[in-house]
Amino acid sequence: MMKHRRFGRTGWMVSEVGYGMWGMGGWTGSEDEESMASLQAAVDLGCNFFDTAWGYGAGHSEGLLGRLVRQNPGVRLYTATKIPPKNFKWPSRREYTLDDCFPPDHIEEYIHRSLKNLDLPSVDLIQFHTWEDSWVKDDRWAKRLEELKRQGLIGAVGISINRWEPWNGVDAVRSGLIDAVQVIYNIFDQNPEDELFPACAAHDVAVIARVPFDEGTLTGNLTVDSTWPAGDWRNTYFVPENLIPSVARADALKPIAADAGLTLPDMAMRFILNHPTVSTIIPGMRRLRHVQVNLATSEAGPLPADLHARLRAHRWDRHPTTWSQ
């Protein structure tokens, strides 16, 4: 049975395991009918939160989500998408201004584009796909989004925080202008607990935990010889400087999982469920078997306290670099 958590001050009750739809936008090996079957299986198993973005295949993933919503008219499904930065550069950098990335007219244009892709009258959560906390001082974005809220086009506003920069969203949370943050949080990346999660708890801002498997290393399936098809973004992310230590750290976790009678992916998901500030986790799921396994972790629940405490020693503080897009 899927458990639900309150999505911050919106009051929405969302499935604590949601659905990340990046892989359906353009990763190698994606196929629409398999994607739709997996999405529908998730709905049938109680998942009601789906996260996509215009940037996932230039709206392709959004189209699949809209189709899913229309196929389930009697089910309350929460839709979340993201506005791409105007300069189409991920991640953001300190020198980028609001006009470089999210001027008000660009915000409005892409919300309408996303709604057209979704073929829905509104979207529950609109998020900035990159973020700089310095933009809090330039409230033109907030004013434009407030207008679009009044028009009934969007329900809530969120930010997606750059990889390994959870500090770069704390001011936004404290500003009172956003309803949700999406951040990388997993056994390795525990640093959102330092500043970001306490701020979210204090200001009743929802937390969407992304990358629960550290882009694949916490599935336990990668090796130092892993490769991907030409054009797959993981070829540029898992450079040797990243792949070799990632595999070593994942391998160090395998005996811990085995001792607990768990698979490494199950342990990775349930570790995140231990934190009460997390509203939902959004693993990427392109296959039916992934849906079944990942959604089952909700029924299993958080890890026992002693196991969770043991995993805290595997925190890995990393900093953005040239390959960490």
C-alpha atoms as a PDB file:
ATOM      1  CA  MET A   1       0.000   0.000   0.000  1.00  0.00           C
ATOM      2  CA  MET A   2       1.428   3.361  -1.053  1.00  0.00           C
ATOM      3  CA  LYS A   3       1.838   5.864   1.783  1.00  0.00           C
ATOM      4  CA  HIS A   4       1.303   9.589   1.312  1.00  0.00           C
ATOM      5  CA  ARG A   5       2.990  12.675   2.690  1.00  0.00           C
ATOM      6  CA  ARG A   6       1.913  16.290   2.874  1.00  0.00           C
ATOM      7  CA  PHE A   7       3.438  18.421   0.120  1.00  0.00           C
ATOM      8  CA  GLY A   8       4.364  21.405   2.241  1.00  0.00           C
ATOM      9  CA  ARG A   9       2.017  24.339   2.492  1.00  0.00           C
ATOM     10  CA  THR A  10       0.072  23.296  -0.605  1.00  0.00           C
ATOM     11  CA  GLY A  11      -1.613  20.684   1.581  1.00  0.00           C
ATOM     12  CA  TRP A  12      -1.526  18.155  -1.265  1.00  0.00           C
ATOM     13  CA  MET A  13      -1.193  14.558  -0.131  1.00  0.00           C
ATOM     14  CA  VAL A  14       1.253  13.010  -2.550  1.00  0.00           C
ATOM     15  CA  SER A  15       2.628   9.498  -2.866  1.00  0.00           C
ATOM     16  CA  GLU A  16       5.924   9.336  -1.012  1.00  0.00           C
ATOM     17  CA  VAL A  17       7.352   7.597  -4.065  1.00  0.00           C
ATOM     18  CA  GLY A  18       6.690   9.684  -7.147  1.00  0.00           C
ATOM     19  CA  TYR A  19       7.835   9.299 -10.728  1.00  0.00           C
ATOM     20  CA  GLY A  20      10.773  11.018 -12.430  1.00  0.00           C
ATOM     21  CA  MET A  21      10.231  11.229 -16.187  1.00  0.00           C
ATOM     22  CA  TRP A  22      13.578  12.453 -17.507  1.00  0.00           C
ATOM     23  CA  GLY A  23      14.513   9.105 -19.000  1.00  0.00           C
ATOM     24  CA  MET A  24      11.374   9.106 -21.140  1.00  0.00           C
ATOM     25  CA  GLY A  25      12.332  12.341 -22.826  1.00  0.00           C
ATOM     26  CA  GLY A  26      15.303  11.180 -24.799  1.00  0.00           C
ATOM     27  CA  TRP A  27      17.557   8.707 -23.036  1.00  0.00           C
ATOM     28  CA  THR A  28      18.716   5.881 -25.252  1.00  0.00           C
ATOM     29  CA  GLY A  29      16.482   2.831 -25.002  1.00  0.00           C
ATOM     30  CA  SER A  30      13.251   4.689 -24.296  1.00  0.00           C
ATOM     31  CA  GLU A  31      10.114   3.592 -26.119  1.00  0.00           C
ATOM     32  CA  ASP A  32       6.813   5.399 -25.724  1.00  0.00           C
ATOM     33  CA  GLU A  33       4.478   2.435 -25.353  1.00  0.00           C
ATOM     34  CA  GLU A  34       6.690   0.846 -22.719  1.00  0.00           C
ATOM     35  CA  SER A  35       6.861   4.227 -20.992  1.00  0.00           C
ATOM     36  CA  MET A  36       3.080   4.557 -20.984  1.00  0.00           C
ATOM     37  CA  ALA A  37       2.629   1.031 -19.631  1.00  0.00           C
ATOM     38  CA  SER A  38       5.084   1.790 -16.827  1.00  0.00           C
ATOM     39  CA  LEU A  39       3.368   5.081 -16.010  1.00  0.00           C
ATOM     40  CA  GLN A  40      -0.055   3.447 -15.884  1.00  0.00           C
ATOM     41  CA  ALA A  41       1.269   0.670 -13.657  1.00  0.00           C
ATOM     42  CA  ALA A  42       2.531   3.340 -11.271  1.00  0.00           C
ATOM     43  CA  VAL A  43      -0.915   4.935 -11.110  1.00  0.00           C
ATOM     44  CA  ASP A  44      -2.476   1.531 -10.484  1.00  0.00           C
ATOM     45  CA  LEU A  45      -0.042   0.993  -7.594  1.00  0.00           C
ATOM     46  CA  GLY A  46      -0.927   4.314  -5.965  1.00  0.00           C
ATOM     47  CA  CYS A  47       1.647   6.764  -7.359  1.00  0.00           C
ATOM     48  CA  ASN A  48       0.098  10.204  -7.873  1.00  0.00           C
ATOM     49  CA  PHE A  49       3.070  12.594  -8.335  1.00  0.00           C
ATOM     50  CA  PHE A  50       4.775  12.863 -11.711  1.00  0.00           C
ATOM     51  CA  ASP A  51       7.726  15.120 -12.465  1.00  0.00           C
ATOM     52  CA  THR A  52       8.719  16.128 -15.980  1.00  0.00           C
ATOM     53  CA  ALA A  53      10.185  19.158 -17.795  1.00  0.00           C
ATOM     54  CA  TRP A  54      10.077  20.887 -21.143  1.00  0.00           C
ATOM     55  CA  GLY A  55      13.773  20.030 -21.380  1.00  0.00           C
ATOM     56  CA  TYR A  56      13.071  16.299 -21.352  1.00  0.00           C
ATOM     57  CA  GLY A  57      12.970  15.804 -25.106  1.00  0.00           C
ATOM     58  CA  ALA A  58      11.727  19.338 -25.897  1.00  0.00           C
ATOM     59  CA  GLY A  59       8.319  18.554 -24.474  1.00  0.00           C
ATOM     60  CA  HIS A  60       8.162  14.856 -25.404  1.00  0.00           C
ATOM     61  CA  SER A  61       8.012  13.681 -21.788  1.00  0.00           C
ATOM     62  CA  GLU A  62       5.358  16.311 -21.026  1.00  0.00           C
ATOM     63  CA  GLY A  63       3.226  14.843 -23.802  1.00  0.00           C
ATOM     64  CA  LEU A  64       3.370  11.411 -22.180  1.00  0.00           C
ATOM     65  CA  LEU A  65       2.313  12.852 -18.816  1.00  0.00           C
ATOM     66  CA  GLY A  66      -0.641  14.675 -20.315  1.00  0.00           C
ATOM     67  CA  ARG A  67      -1.709  11.472 -22.007  1.00  0.00           C
ATOM     68  CA  LEU A  68      -1.516   9.638 -18.676  1.00  0.00           C
ATOM     69  CA  VAL A  69      -3.678  12.242 -16.925  1.00  0.00           C
ATOM     70  CA  ARG A  70      -6.324  12.041 -19.650  1.00  0.00           C
ATOM     71  CA  GLN A  71      -6.324   8.253 -19.420  1.00  0.00           C
ATOM     72  CA  ASN A  72      -7.151   8.450 -15.700  1.00  0.00           C
ATOM     73  CA  PRO A  73      -9.954  11.012 -15.406  1.00  0.00           C
ATOM     74  CA  GLY A  74     -11.160   9.717 -12.057  1.00  0.00           C
ATOM     75  CA  VAL A  75      -7.762   9.786 -10.348  1.00  0.00           C
ATOM     76  CA  ARG A  76      -6.123  12.884  -8.824  1.00  0.00           C
ATOM     77  CA  LEU A  77      -2.661  12.965 -10.355  1.00  0.00           C
ATOM     78  CA  TYR A  78      -0.282  15.804  -9.454  1.00  0.00           C
ATOM     79  CA  THR A  79       1.651  17.181 -12.412  1.00  0.00           C
ATOM     80  CA  ALA A  80       5.003  18.940 -12.099  1.00  0.00           C
ATOM     81  CA  THR A  81       7.082  20.370 -14.923  1.00  0.00           C
ATOM     82  CA  LYS A  82       9.968  22.798 -15.368  1.00  0.00           C
ATOM     83  CA  ILE A  83      10.748  25.918 -17.373  1.00  0.00           C
ATOM     84  CA  PRO A  84      14.079  25.672 -19.225  1.00  0.00           C
ATOM     85  CA  PRO A  85      16.535  28.551 -18.766  1.00  0.00           C
ATOM     86  CA  LYS A  86      16.478  31.018 -21.656  1.00  0.00           C
ATOM     87  CA  ASN A  87      20.182  30.438 -22.315  1.00  0.00           C
ATOM     88  CA  PHE A  88      19.597  26.648 -22.298  1.00  0.00           C
ATOM     89  CA  LYS A  89      22.619  26.094 -20.076  1.00  0.00           C
ATOM     90  CA  TRP A  90      22.641  23.527 -17.284  1.00  0.00           C
ATOM     91  CA  PRO A  91      23.672  23.972 -14.536  1.00  0.00           C
ATOM     92  CA  SER A  92      23.347  27.642 -13.771  1.00  0.00           C
ATOM     93  CA  ARG A  93      26.438  29.657 -12.866  1.00  0.00           C
ATOM     94  CA  ARG A  94      26.881  32.476 -10.401  1.00  0.00           C
ATOM     95  CA  GLU A  95      27.263  35.102 -13.113  1.00  0.00           C
ATOM     96  CA  TYR A  96      23.952  34.292 -14.828  1.00  0.00           C
ATOM     97  CA  THR A  97      21.269  36.913 -14.257  1.00  0.00           C
ATOM     98  CA  LEU A  98      17.515  36.508 -14.206  1.00  0.00           C
ATOM     99  CA  ASP A  99      17.437  38.039 -17.703  1.00  0.00           C
ATOM    100  CA  ASP A 100      19.900  35.395 -18.895  1.00  0.00           C
ATOM    101  CA  CYS A 101      17.725  32.544 -17.642  1.00  0.00           C
ATOM    102  CA  PHE A 102      14.183  33.434 -16.597  1.00  0.00           C
ATOM    103  CA  PRO A 103      12.974  36.868 -17.715  1.00  0.00           C
ATOM    104  CA  PRO A 104       9.218  37.182 -17.116  1.00  0.00           C
ATOM    105  CA  ASP A 105       8.179  36.884 -20.771  1.00  0.00           C
ATOM    106  CA  HIS A 106      10.251  33.697 -21.146  1.00  0.00           C
ATOM    107  CA  ILE A 107       8.574  32.248 -18.043  1.00  0.00           C
ATOM    108  CA  GLU A 108       5.133  32.897 -19.459  1.00  0.00           C
ATOM    109  CA  GLU A 109       6.023  31.649 -22.931  1.00  0.00           C
ATOM    110  CA  TYR A 110       7.291  28.309 -21.683  1.00  0.00           C
ATOM    111  CA  ILE A 111       4.429  27.745 -19.274  1.00  0.00           C
ATOM    112  CA  HIS A 112       2.112  28.057 -22.258  1.00  0.00           C
ATOM    113  CA  ARG A 113       4.369  25.737 -24.283  1.00  0.00           C
ATOM    114  CA  SER A 114       4.302  23.159 -21.510  1.00  0.00           C
ATOM    115  CA  LEU A 115       0.535  23.366 -21.176  1.00  0.00           C
ATOM    116  CA  LYS A 116       0.250  22.811 -24.920  1.00  0.00           C
ATOM    117  CA  ASN A 117       2.540  19.761 -24.706  1.00  0.00           C
ATOM    118  CA  LEU A 118       0.594  18.428 -21.730  1.00  0.00           C
ATOM    119  CA  ASP A 119      -2.706  19.319 -23.416  1.00  0.00           C
ATOM    120  CA  LEU A 120      -4.026  20.230 -19.978  1.00  0.00           C
ATOM    121  CA  PRO A 121      -5.650  23.473 -18.776  1.00  0.00           C
ATOM    122  CA  SER A 122      -3.209  23.838 -15.875  1.00  0.00           C
ATOM    123  CA  VAL A 123      -0.184  22.304 -14.199  1.00  0.00           C
ATOM    124  CA  ASP A 124       0.023  21.740 -10.459  1.00  0.00           C
ATOM    125  CA  LEU A 125       3.677  22.647  -9.931  1.00  0.00           C
ATOM    126  CA  ILE A 126       5.864  24.784 -12.163  1.00  0.00           C
ATOM    127  CA  GLN A 127       9.579  24.756 -11.369  1.00  0.00           C
ATOM    128  CA  PHE A 128      12.633  26.677 -12.500  1.00  0.00           C
ATOM    129  CA  HIS A 129      14.920  24.083 -14.086  1.00  0.00           C
ATOM    130  CA  THR A 130      17.999  25.927 -12.854  1.00  0.00           C
ATOM    131  CA  TRP A 131      18.336  28.292  -9.951  1.00  0.00           C
ATOM    132  CA  GLU A 132      20.537  31.002  -8.428  1.00  0.00           C
ATOM    133  CA  ASP A 133      19.598  32.316  -5.008  1.00  0.00           C
ATOM    134  CA  SER A 134      20.687  35.804  -6.091  1.00  0.00           C
ATOM    135  CA  TRP A 135      17.513  35.921  -8.190  1.00  0.00           C
ATOM    136  CA  VAL A 136      15.441  36.199  -5.016  1.00  0.00           C
ATOM    137  CA  LYS A 137      16.319  39.909  -5.000  1.00  0.00           C
ATOM    138  CA  ASP A 138      14.786  40.419  -8.468  1.00  0.00           C
ATOM    139  CA  ASP A 139      11.125  39.673  -7.832  1.00  0.00           C
ATOM    140  CA  ARG A 140       9.903  40.102 -11.405  1.00  0.00           C
ATOM    141  CA  TRP A 141       9.738  36.303 -11.722  1.00  0.00           C
ATOM    142  CA  ALA A 142       7.572  36.036  -8.623  1.00  0.00           C
ATOM    143  CA  LYS A 143       5.180  38.737  -9.799  1.00  0.00           C
ATOM    144  CA  ARG A 144       4.710  37.096 -13.197  1.00  0.00           C
ATOM    145  CA  LEU A 145       4.086  33.692 -11.626  1.00  0.00           C
ATOM    146  CA  GLU A 146       1.558  35.229  -9.244  1.00  0.00           C
ATOM    147  CA  GLU A 147      -0.327  36.561 -12.278  1.00  0.00           C
ATOM    148  CA  LEU A 148      -0.298  33.123 -13.885  1.00  0.00           C
ATOM    149  CA  LYS A 149      -1.545  31.615 -10.627  1.00  0.00           C
ATOM    150  CA  ARG A 150      -4.456  34.048 -10.614  1.00  0.00           C
ATOM    151  CA  GLN A 151      -5.256  32.985 -14.158  1.00  0.00           C
ATOM    152  CA  GLY A 152      -5.486  29.395 -12.957  1.00  0.00           C
ATOM    153  CA  LEU A 153      -2.635  28.143 -15.158  1.00  0.00           C
ATOM    154  CA  ILE A 154      -0.378  26.982 -12.317  1.00  0.00           C
ATOM    155  CA  GLY A 155      -1.005  25.818  -8.788  1.00  0.00           C
ATOM    156  CA  ALA A 156       2.345  26.167  -7.025  1.00  0.00           C
ATOM    157  CA  VAL A 157       5.928  27.284  -7.669  1.00  0.00           C
ATOM    158  CA  GLY A 158       9.179  25.428  -7.102  1.00  0.00           C
ATOM    159  CA  ILE A 159      12.885  25.459  -7.870  1.00  0.00           C
ATOM    160  CA  SER A 160      15.186  22.674  -8.994  1.00  0.00           C
ATOM    161  CA  ILE A 161      18.533  23.155  -7.269  1.00  0.00           C
ATOM    162  CA  ASN A 162      21.821  22.645  -9.107  1.00  0.00           C
ATOM    163  CA  ARG A 163      23.720  19.407  -8.494  1.00  0.00           C
ATOM    164  CA  TRP A 164      25.721  19.457  -5.241  1.00  0.00           C
ATOM    165  CA  GLU A 165      24.613  23.000  -4.336  1.00  0.00           C
ATOM    166  CA  PRO A 166      21.826  22.560  -1.769  1.00  0.00           C
ATOM    167  CA  TRP A 167      22.886  25.841  -0.108  1.00  0.00           C
ATOM    168  CA  ASN A 168      21.859  27.624  -3.331  1.00  0.00           C
ATOM    169  CA  GLY A 169      18.163  27.533  -2.550  1.00  0.00           C
ATOM    170  CA  VAL A 170      18.002  28.402   1.135  1.00  0.00           C
ATOM    171  CA  ASP A 171      17.331  32.103   0.486  1.00  0.00           C
ATOM    172  CA  ALA A 172      14.498  31.176  -1.888  1.00  0.00           C
ATOM    173  CA  VAL A 173      12.931  28.991   0.796  1.00  0.00           C
ATOM    174  CA  ARG A 174      13.245  31.713   3.414  1.00  0.00           C
ATOM    175  CA  SER A 175      11.804  34.338   1.044  1.00  0.00           C
ATOM    176  CA  GLY A 176       8.343  32.815   1.235  1.00  0.00           C
ATOM    177  CA  LEU A 177       8.057  32.990  -2.575  1.00  0.00           C
ATOM    178  CA  ILE A 178       8.272  29.274  -3.359  1.00  0.00           C
ATOM    179  CA  ASP A 179       6.283  26.207  -2.382  1.00  0.00           C
ATOM    180  CA  ALA A 180       8.730  23.406  -3.209  1.00  0.00           C
ATOM    181  CA  VAL A 181      12.378  22.566  -3.780  1.00  0.00           C
ATOM    182  CA  GLN A 182      13.753  19.708  -5.823  1.00  0.00           C
ATOM    183  CA  VAL A 183      17.201  18.593  -4.721  1.00  0.00           C
ATOM    184  CA  ILE A 184      19.579  15.658  -5.031  1.00  0.00           C
ATOM    185  CA  TYR A 185      19.389  13.615  -1.832  1.00  0.00           C
ATOM    186  CA  ASN A 186      20.632  10.060  -1.358  1.00  0.00           C
ATOM    187  CA  ILE A 187      23.012   7.947   0.758  1.00  0.00           C
ATOM    188  CA  PHE A 188      25.995   9.786  -0.717  1.00  0.00           C
ATOM    189  CA  ASP A 189      24.474  13.269  -1.011  1.00  0.00           C
ATOM    190  CA  GLN A 190      23.301  13.963   2.525  1.00  0.00           C
ATOM    191  CA  ASN A 191      24.279  17.641   2.651  1.00  0.00           C
ATOM    192  CA  PRO A 192      20.737  19.003   2.072  1.00  0.00           C
ATOM    193  CA  GLU A 193      20.250  18.073   5.744  1.00  0.00           C
ATOM    194  CA  ASP A 194      22.692  20.815   6.819  1.00  0.00           C
ATOM    195  CA  GLU A 195      20.789  23.994   5.890  1.00  0.00           C
ATOM    196  CA  LEU A 196      18.177  23.308   3.235  1.00  0.00           C
ATOM    197  CA  PHE A 197      15.962  20.779   5.021  1.00  0.00           C
ATOM    198  CA  PRO A 198      15.765  22.787   8.265  1.00  0.00           C
ATOM    199  CA  ALA A 199      14.748  25.862   6.251  1.00  0.00           C
ATOM    200  CA  CYS A 200      12.101  23.862   4.375  1.00  0.00           C
ATOM    201  CA  ALA A 201      10.708  22.486   7.622  1.00  0.00           C
ATOM    202  CA  ALA A 202      10.579  25.964   9.168  1.00  0.00           C
ATOM    203  CA  HIS A 203       8.818  27.523   6.165  1.00  0.00           C
ATOM    204  CA  ASP A 204       6.597  24.535   5.264  1.00  0.00           C
ATOM    205  CA  VAL A 205       8.202  24.115   1.834  1.00  0.00           C
ATOM    206  CA  ALA A 206       7.870  20.714   0.175  1.00  0.00           C
ATOM    207  CA  VAL A 207      10.974  18.685  -0.687  1.00  0.00           C
ATOM    208  CA  ILE A 208      11.230  16.556  -3.824  1.00  0.00           C
ATOM    209  CA  ALA A 209      14.210  14.207  -3.508  1.00  0.00           C
ATOM    210  CA  ARG A 210      15.724  13.439  -6.883  1.00  0.00           C
ATOM    211  CA  VAL A 211      18.560  11.142  -8.036  1.00  0.00           C
ATOM    212  CA  PRO A 212      17.972   8.537  -5.286  1.00  0.00           C
ATOM    213  CA  PHE A 213      20.344   6.113  -7.033  1.00  0.00           C
ATOM    214  CA  ASP A 214      23.117   8.638  -7.734  1.00  0.00           C
ATOM    215  CA  GLU A 215      22.442   8.412 -11.496  1.00  0.00           C
ATOM    216  CA  GLY A 216      22.805   4.630 -11.312  1.00  0.00           C
ATOM    217  CA  THR A 217      25.700   3.876  -8.984  1.00  0.00           C
ATOM    218  CA  LEU A 218      23.382   3.076  -6.068  1.00  0.00           C
ATOM    219  CA  THR A 219      21.627   0.415  -8.124  1.00  0.00           C
ATOM    220  CA  GLY A 220      24.859  -1.566  -7.784  1.00  0.00           C
ATOM    221  CA  ASN A 221      24.856  -2.351 -11.494  1.00  0.00           C
ATOM    222  CA  LEU A 222      27.711  -0.110 -12.651  1.00  0.00           C
ATOM    223  CA  THR A 223      31.304  -1.193 -12.987  1.00  0.00           C
ATOM    224  CA  VAL A 224      34.448   0.757 -13.824  1.00  0.00           C
ATOM    225  CA  ASP A 225      34.031  -0.572 -17.384  1.00  0.00           C
ATOM    226  CA  SER A 226      30.412   0.615 -17.839  1.00  0.00           C
ATOM    227  CA  THR A 227      29.700   2.419 -21.105  1.00  0.00           C
ATOM    228  CA  TRP A 228      26.611   3.919 -22.725  1.00  0.00           C
ATOM    229  CA  PRO A 229      25.462   4.392 -26.311  1.00  0.00           C
ATOM    230  CA  ALA A 230      26.707   7.389 -28.276  1.00  0.00           C
ATOM    231  CA  GLY A 231      24.799  10.534 -27.369  1.00  0.00           C
ATOM    232  CA  ASP A 232      23.749   9.315 -23.902  1.00  0.00           C
ATOM    233  CA  TRP A 233      24.523  12.056 -21.358  1.00  0.00           C
ATOM    234  CA  ARG A 234      25.955   9.527 -18.914  1.00  0.00           C
ATOM    235  CA  ASN A 235      29.045   9.250 -21.107  1.00  0.00           C
ATOM    236  CA  THR A 236      29.941  12.812 -20.156  1.00  0.00           C
ATOM    237  CA  TYR A 237      28.883  12.477 -16.505  1.00  0.00           C
ATOM    238  CA  PHE A 238      30.566   9.179 -15.673  1.00  0.00           C
ATOM    239  CA  VAL A 239      34.047  10.221 -16.675  1.00  0.00           C
ATOM    240  CA  PRO A 240      36.738   8.081 -15.001  1.00  0.00           C
ATOM    241  CA  GLU A 241      37.226  10.756 -12.320  1.00  0.00           C
ATOM    242  CA  ASN A 242      33.611  10.157 -11.270  1.00  0.00           C
ATOM    243  CA  LEU A 243      32.893   6.566 -12.283  1.00  0.00           C
ATOM    244  CA  ILE A 244      35.822   4.898 -10.494  1.00  0.00           C
ATOM    245  CA  PRO A 245      35.193   6.359  -7.000  1.00  0.00           C
ATOM    246  CA  SER A 246      31.403   6.069  -7.443  1.00  0.00           C
ATOM    247  CA  VAL A 247      31.635   2.331  -8.131  1.00  0.00           C
ATOM    248  CA  ALA A 248      34.053   1.854  -5.212  1.00  0.00           C
ATOM    249  CA  ARG A 249      31.700   3.624  -2.805  1.00  0.00           C
ATOM    250  CA  ALA A 250      28.698   1.658  -4.066  1.00  0.00           C
ATOM    251  CA  ASP A 251      30.619  -1.592  -3.707  1.00  0.00           C
ATOM    252  CA  ALA A 252      31.342  -0.680  -0.070  1.00  0.00           C
ATOM    253  CA  LEU A 253      27.590  -0.523   0.539  1.00  0.00           C
ATOM    254  CA  LYS A 254      26.764  -3.923  -0.946  1.00  0.00           C
ATOM    255  CA  PRO A 255      27.775  -5.999   2.105  1.00  0.00           C
ATOM    256  CA  ILE A 256      25.767  -3.667   4.363  1.00  0.00           C
ATOM    257  CA  ALA A 257      22.673  -4.247   2.238  1.00  0.00           C
ATOM    258  CA  ALA A 258      23.320  -7.970   2.139  1.00  0.00           C
ATOM    259  CA  ASP A 259      23.673  -8.127   5.928  1.00  0.00           C
ATOM    260  CA  ALA A 260      20.284  -6.428   6.215  1.00  0.00           C
ATOM    261  CA  GLY A 261      18.688  -8.749   3.678  1.00  0.00           C
ATOM    262  CA  LEU A 262      18.079  -5.873   1.262  1.00  0.00           C
ATOM    263  CA  THR A 263      19.011  -5.042  -2.282  1.00  0.00           C
ATOM    264  CA  LEU A 264      21.136  -1.931  -2.714  1.00  0.00           C
ATOM    265  CA  PRO A 265      18.365  -0.019  -4.588  1.00  0.00           C
ATOM    266  CA  ASP A 266      15.838  -0.899  -1.857  1.00  0.00           C
ATOM    267  CA  MET A 267      18.219   0.324   0.830  1.00  0.00           C
ATOM    268  CA  ALA A 268      18.901   3.510  -1.142  1.00  0.00           C
ATOM    269  CA  MET A 269      15.210   4.365  -1.479  1.00  0.00           C
ATOM    270  CA  ARG A 270      14.314   3.552   2.109  1.00  0.00           C
ATOM    271  CA  PHE A 271      17.247   5.627   3.420  1.00  0.00           C
ATOM    272  CA  ILE A 272      15.544   8.690   1.914  1.00  0.00           C
ATOM    273  CA  LEU A 273      12.195   7.753   3.482  1.00  0.00           C
ATOM    274  CA  ASN A 274      13.845   8.114   6.891  1.00  0.00           C
ATOM    275  CA  HIS A 275      13.853  11.899   6.559  1.00  0.00           C
ATOM    276  CA  PRO A 276      10.472  13.410   7.494  1.00  0.00           C
ATOM    277  CA  THR A 277      11.104  16.635   5.543  1.00  0.00           C
ATOM    278  CA  VAL A 278      11.069  14.735   2.246  1.00  0.00           C
ATOM    279  CA  SER A 279       7.620  14.903   0.650  1.00  0.00           C
ATOM    280  CA  THR A 280       8.273  12.558  -2.258  1.00  0.00           C
ATOM    281  CA  ILE A 281      11.120  10.736  -4.010  1.00  0.00           C
ATOM    282  CA  ILE A 282      11.219  10.717  -7.811  1.00  0.00           C
ATOM    283  CA  PRO A 283      13.264   7.792  -9.126  1.00  0.00           C
ATOM    284  CA  GLY A 284      13.507   7.551 -12.873  1.00  0.00           C
ATOM    285  CA  MET A 285      11.570   4.502 -14.029  1.00  0.00           C
ATOM    286  CA  ARG A 286      11.498   3.422 -17.660  1.00  0.00           C
ATOM    287  CA  ARG A 287      10.675  -0.242 -17.124  1.00  0.00           C
ATOM    288  CA  LEU A 288       7.700  -1.949 -15.493  1.00  0.00           C
ATOM    289  CA  ARG A 289       9.945  -3.925 -13.139  1.00  0.00           C
ATOM    290  CA  HIS A 290      11.506  -0.668 -11.872  1.00  0.00           C
ATOM    291  CA  VAL A 291       8.036   0.683 -11.071  1.00  0.00           C
ATOM    292  CA  GLN A 292       7.065  -2.412  -9.127  1.00  0.00           C
ATOM    293  CA  VAL A 293      10.280  -2.565  -7.100  1.00  0.00           C
ATOM    294  CA  ASN A 294      10.598   1.145  -6.336  1.00  0.00           C
ATOM    295  CA  LEU A 295       6.970   1.695  -5.348  1.00  0.00           C
ATOM    296  CA  ALA A 296       7.129  -1.311  -3.026  1.00  0.00           C
ATOM    297  CA  THR A 297       9.648   0.532  -0.851  1.00  0.00           C
ATOM    298  CA  SER A 298       6.846   2.738   0.476  1.00  0.00           C
ATOM    299  CA  GLU A 299       5.096  -0.238   2.051  1.00  0.00           C
ATOM    300  CA  ALA A 300       8.406  -1.458   3.488  1.00  0.00           C
ATOM    301  CA  GLY A 301       8.930   1.963   5.055  1.00  0.00           C
ATOM    302  CA  PRO A 302      12.020   3.746   6.367  1.00  0.00           C
ATOM    303  CA  LEU A 303      15.108   1.785   7.376  1.00  0.00           C
ATOM    304  CA  PRO A 304      15.600   0.605  10.974  1.00  0.00           C
ATOM    305  CA  ALA A 305      17.342   3.292  13.018  1.00  0.00           C
ATOM    306  CA  ASP A 306      20.579   1.331  13.453  1.00  0.00           C
ATOM    307  CA  LEU A 307      20.950   0.665   9.734  1.00  0.00           C
ATOM    308  CA  HIS A 308      20.149   4.272   8.877  1.00  0.00           C
ATOM    309  CA  ALA A 309      22.772   5.439  11.377  1.00  0.00           C
ATOM    310  CA  ARG A 310      25.344   3.107   9.840  1.00  0.00           C
ATOM    311  CA  LEU A 311      24.731   4.573   6.381  1.00  0.00           C
ATOM    312  CA  ARG A 312      25.253   8.119   7.553  1.00  0.00           C
ATOM    313  CA  ALA A 313      28.999   7.400   7.583  1.00  0.00           C
ATOM    314  CA  HIS A 314      28.850   6.995   3.788  1.00  0.00           C
ATOM    315  CA  ARG A 315      28.112  10.668   3.194  1.00  0.00           C
ATOM    316  CA  TRP A 316      30.181  11.974   0.263  1.00  0.00           C
ATOM    317  CA  ASP A 317      30.525  15.742  -0.036  1.00  0.00           C
ATOM    318  CA  ARG A 318      31.159  16.672  -3.667  1.00  0.00           C
ATOM    319  CA  HIS A 319      31.449  19.978  -5.445  1.00  0.00           C
ATOM    320  CA  PRO A 320      30.361  20.974  -8.959  1.00  0.00           C
ATOM    321  CA  THR A 321      32.970  20.563 -11.662  1.00  0.00           C
ATOM    322  CA  THR A 322      33.160  20.568 -15.460  1.00  0.00           C
ATOM    323  CA  TRP A 323      31.421  17.198 -15.886  1.00  0.00           C
ATOM    324  CA  SER A 324      28.756  17.492 -13.148  1.00  0.00           C
ATOM    325  CA  GLN A 325      25.960  18.974 -15.264  1.00  0.00           C
END
